[in-house]
Amino acid sequence: MPDFDTVSSGGYYAQIPNGYNGVDWDNFYALDAVNYGTQGTNGYTNGLVSGRNVAFNAFGNPAAIHAGGSSFTLKDGYFTAAWNNGLTIDVVGKVNGTDTYYKSFVVDTLSPLHVIFDWAGLSDAVFTSSGGVSAGYFGSGNHFALDNVSFGAPEINGGTLPLALMLLVLGAVALERRRRAAAA
C-alpha cells in the first residue's frame, strides 16, 4: 500500500517515479507533509494518514496512474483538499483506454476522506480536481493530497477473472471431463 514514505522528497517534494508500487505516475508528486506543516495549517498535513509523505497533483492539474503495459486494480485511498474546502475530485477508470468507471466526491482540508473504488482491469485512472472555496490557508489552488492508496494483486496477462466467473469456468471444465470420461 503506497503511503509514499519511501519516495525521497529531497526537501519538500519530489516527483513519484514510474514503477513505484508497480504502476506509472503522471503529475503525481510526493510531499513531506510533516515538514510542510511547519509552514502553517494546510490540507497536506491534515491529510496525512501514516508516515510523513502524501502524494499530490502538481499545479492542481489532472494526474493519472497508468498500468505500464498490463493492468491493475484500484482498491481505495484517502483524499484531502490542500487549500479549498468543497473541492470536487472526479476519477475516471479506463480499461484499454475506454472510460469504464467513474466516481466523483467532495473533500475538505480538515481530514482525509476514505474512498473505495474496487475497479479491476484498469489501464489508467485519471484524477481531476476543481472548485471549492479557499479555506484561508497560505496557499491556493485545486490541489489534493492522497495517502495510503491500495492496489489489488498484480494481474496476470492483462486481467483477472471475478471469483464467480472463475468458479463457473472451473465447473464447466469439471463437467466436460465427466462427459468425456463417460463417453470413453
Protein backbone atom coordinates (compact mmCIF):
# COMPACT_ATOMS: atom_id res chain seq x y z
CA MET A 1 0.00 0.00 0.00
CA PRO A 2 1.70 3.18 -1.11
CA ASP A 3 1.95 5.68 1.68
CA PHE A 4 4.61 7.46 -0.38
CA ASP A 5 7.07 7.47 2.52
CA THR A 6 9.77 5.70 0.50
CA VAL A 7 9.75 8.46 -2.15
CA SER A 8 12.68 10.68 -1.27
CA SER A 9 11.49 14.26 -1.33
CA GLY A 10 14.94 15.85 -1.16
CA GLY A 11 13.26 18.80 0.55
CA TYR A 12 9.55 19.38 0.48
CA TYR A 13 8.50 17.37 -2.61
CA ALA A 14 9.65 15.13 -5.47
CA GLN A 15 8.06 13.52 -8.50
CA ILE A 16 6.83 9.97 -7.87
CA PRO A 17 8.88 7.75 -10.19
CA ASN A 18 7.35 5.41 -12.74
CA GLY A 19 7.32 1.86 -11.46
CA TYR A 20 6.63 2.93 -7.88
CA ASN A 21 4.37 0.22 -6.45
CA GLY A 22 4.25 -1.43 -9.89
CA VAL A 23 2.45 1.39 -11.73
CA ASP A 24 3.43 4.57 -13.58
CA TRP A 25 2.62 8.00 -12.14
CA ASP A 26 1.78 11.09 -14.21
CA ASN A 27 1.80 14.50 -12.50
CA PHE A 28 1.81 12.94 -9.01
CA TYR A 29 4.44 14.19 -6.58
CA ALA A 30 5.24 13.12 -3.02
CA LEU A 31 5.33 15.86 -0.39
CA ASP A 32 6.80 15.74 3.12
CA ALA A 33 3.61 16.79 4.95
CA VAL A 34 5.34 16.86 8.33
CA ASN A 35 7.92 19.46 7.28
CA TYR A 36 5.38 21.25 5.11
CA GLY A 37 3.21 21.59 8.21
CA THR A 38 5.78 23.95 9.69
CA GLN A 39 4.61 26.44 7.06
CA GLY A 40 1.18 26.58 8.69
CA THR A 41 -2.08 24.71 8.63
CA ASN A 42 -2.90 23.07 5.30
CA GLY A 43 -4.72 20.09 3.85
CA TYR A 44 -1.49 18.22 3.08
CA THR A 45 -0.63 17.98 6.76
CA ASN A 46 -4.26 17.34 7.75
CA GLY A 47 -4.48 14.60 5.09
CA LEU A 48 -1.58 12.57 6.41
CA VAL A 49 -2.83 9.06 7.29
CA SER A 50 0.51 7.40 8.04
CA GLY A 51 4.21 8.20 7.90
CA ARG A 52 5.22 11.64 6.72
CA ASN A 53 4.61 11.84 2.94
CA VAL A 54 1.44 12.26 0.89
CA ALA A 55 1.02 12.32 -2.89
CA PHE A 56 -0.46 15.36 -4.61
CA ASN A 57 -1.46 16.54 -8.08
CA ALA A 58 1.17 19.05 -9.14
CA PHE A 59 -0.05 22.56 -10.01
CA GLY A 60 -3.63 21.41 -9.22
CA ASN A 61 -3.72 19.81 -12.69
CA PRO A 62 -5.11 16.38 -13.59
CA ALA A 63 -2.94 13.46 -12.51
CA ALA A 64 -3.02 9.81 -13.53
CA ILE A 65 -1.88 6.32 -12.66
CA HIS A 66 -1.02 4.05 -15.60
CA ALA A 67 -0.68 0.28 -15.74
CA GLY A 68 2.60 0.45 -17.64
CA GLY A 69 1.88 -2.42 -20.04
CA SER A 70 -0.51 -4.62 -18.07
CA SER A 71 -3.47 -3.74 -15.85
CA PHE A 72 -4.14 -3.01 -12.20
CA THR A 73 -6.92 -2.88 -9.63
CA LEU A 74 -7.50 0.40 -7.81
CA LYS A 75 -8.95 -0.55 -4.43
CA ASP A 76 -9.11 2.61 -2.28
CA GLY A 77 -7.32 5.69 -0.99
CA TYR A 78 -7.54 8.66 1.40
CA PHE A 79 -8.15 12.08 -0.18
CA THR A 80 -7.93 15.57 1.33
CA ALA A 81 -8.17 19.01 -0.29
CA ALA A 82 -4.96 21.00 0.12
CA TRP A 83 -6.36 24.55 0.02
CA ASN A 84 -10.09 24.62 -0.90
CA ASN A 85 -12.95 23.26 1.17
CA GLY A 86 -15.62 21.67 -1.02
CA LEU A 87 -13.07 20.55 -3.63
CA THR A 88 -14.58 18.12 -6.14
CA ILE A 89 -12.45 15.20 -7.32
CA ASP A 90 -13.57 13.29 -10.42
CA VAL A 91 -11.91 9.94 -11.08
CA VAL A 92 -12.19 8.06 -14.37
CA GLY A 93 -11.04 4.45 -14.59
CA LYS A 94 -10.08 3.34 -18.09
CA VAL A 95 -9.87 -0.21 -19.39
CA ASN A 96 -7.70 -0.36 -22.52
CA GLY A 97 -8.20 3.38 -22.98
CA THR A 98 -12.03 3.25 -22.73
CA ASP A 99 -13.77 5.14 -19.91
CA THR A 100 -15.27 2.30 -17.86
CA TYR A 101 -15.59 3.55 -14.28
CA TYR A 102 -16.44 6.97 -12.85
CA LYS A 103 -16.61 8.36 -9.33
CA SER A 104 -17.00 11.93 -8.09
CA PHE A 105 -16.67 13.07 -4.49
CA VAL A 106 -16.14 16.24 -2.46
CA VAL A 107 -13.33 16.71 0.07
CA ASP A 108 -12.28 19.40 2.52
CA THR A 109 -8.99 20.47 4.07
CA LEU A 110 -9.65 19.29 7.62
CA SER A 111 -9.37 15.48 7.38
CA PRO A 112 -9.00 12.70 4.81
CA LEU A 113 -11.96 11.02 3.14
CA HIS A 114 -11.63 7.26 2.62
CA VAL A 115 -12.85 6.45 -0.91
CA ILE A 116 -13.41 2.86 -2.06
CA PHE A 117 -13.12 2.07 -5.77
CA ASP A 118 -12.56 -1.69 -6.28
CA TRP A 119 -12.03 -1.12 -10.01
CA ALA A 120 -10.34 -4.04 -11.80
CA GLY A 121 -8.60 -4.37 -15.15
CA LEU A 122 -7.52 -0.73 -15.34
CA SER A 123 -5.09 0.60 -17.88
CA ASP A 124 -5.38 4.12 -16.40
CA ALA A 125 -7.01 6.05 -13.55
CA VAL A 126 -7.29 9.81 -14.11
CA PHE A 127 -7.89 12.24 -11.21
CA THR A 128 -9.21 15.76 -11.91
CA SER A 129 -10.00 18.27 -9.17
CA SER A 130 -11.98 21.51 -9.32
CA GLY A 131 -13.94 24.09 -7.39
CA GLY A 132 -14.35 24.66 -3.71
CA VAL A 133 -13.67 27.80 -1.71
CA SER A 134 -10.49 28.92 -0.02
CA ALA A 135 -10.04 27.56 3.49
CA GLY A 136 -7.97 30.64 4.33
CA TYR A 137 -4.56 28.93 4.33
CA PHE A 138 -1.41 30.44 2.85
CA GLY A 139 -1.78 28.57 -0.48
CA SER A 140 -4.41 28.30 -3.18
CA GLY A 141 -5.48 26.03 -6.00
CA ASN A 142 -7.18 22.75 -6.83
CA HIS A 143 -4.53 20.56 -5.24
CA PHE A 144 -5.44 17.40 -3.31
CA ALA A 145 -3.48 15.07 -1.07
CA LEU A 146 -3.62 11.29 -1.50
CA ASP A 147 -2.33 8.84 1.11
CA ASN A 148 -2.42 5.08 1.65
CA VAL A 149 -3.80 4.24 -1.79
CA SER A 150 -4.09 0.49 -2.29
CA PHE A 151 -3.99 -1.65 -5.36
CA GLY A 152 -5.19 -5.21 -5.91
CA ALA A 153 -2.94 -8.15 -6.53
CA PRO A 154 -0.93 -7.87 -9.73
CA GLU A 155 -2.99 -9.06 -12.67
CA ILE A 156 -1.63 -11.78 -14.92
CA ASN A 157 -1.82 -11.45 -18.72
CA GLY A 158 -3.67 -8.16 -18.51
CA GLY A 159 -6.58 -9.17 -16.31
CA THR A 160 -8.17 -11.35 -13.67
CA LEU A 161 -11.45 -13.20 -13.50
CA PRO A 162 -14.04 -12.34 -10.86
CA LEU A 163 -14.48 -15.20 -8.39
CA ALA A 164 -17.99 -16.13 -9.59
CA LEU A 165 -16.85 -16.33 -13.23
CA MET A 166 -13.80 -18.36 -12.26
CA LEU A 167 -15.99 -20.86 -10.37
CA LEU A 168 -18.32 -21.09 -13.38
CA VAL A 169 -15.38 -21.85 -15.68
CA LEU A 170 -13.98 -24.46 -13.28
CA GLY A 171 -17.43 -26.09 -13.05
CA ALA A 172 -17.71 -26.24 -16.85
CA VAL A 173 -14.26 -27.84 -17.09
CA ALA A 174 -15.24 -30.46 -14.48
CA LEU A 175 -18.49 -31.24 -16.35
CA GLU A 176 -16.61 -31.60 -19.64
CA ARG A 177 -14.15 -34.02 -18.01
CA ARG A 178 -17.06 -36.09 -16.65
CA ARG A 179 -18.73 -36.13 -20.08
CA ARG A 180 -15.52 -37.30 -21.77
CA ALA A 181 -14.93 -39.95 -19.09
CA ALA A 182 -18.50 -41.26 -19.52
CA ALA A 183 -18.13 -41.36 -23.32
CA ALA A 184 -14.88 -43.35 -23.15
